[in-house]
């Protein structure tokens, strides 16, 4: 917020003028924003079987998932994203539910979590904690 306030303080723009401008004080277009995000986000791209590119859509998708996980009504998210059909927005709900189901499966006894993950489960070796849990 401080950076935005500093940017606005150094400009002598009226409230109706754009905050982020392209050269010659023209407002940034969605293509201009895409180029800026891609240029600065390229170093975070992943490659391989599950490659991922940092793009404005990634921010949009992430924001929608966070809103859904925070309990915001899916119809409100649909409207905010500008989706015509609720089916499009429901994809975010499916992804969120799938992630929750995978997390629950990983917690099941006998799940196929890696040996590295099992080694990190320190509470299984904590006798004091186990005794306390058994006393419940």
Foldseek 3Di string as FASTA:
>chain_A
DVVLVVQVVVDPDDPVQDSDADPPSHRQDLVNVFVVQQVVQVVVWDDDPPTDGGGVVVVLLVVLLVCVVVPNDLVVNCVVVVPPDSVVSCVSVVVNVVVVVVVVQVPDPPRCDDPVVVVPPCVVVPPVNVVVVVVD
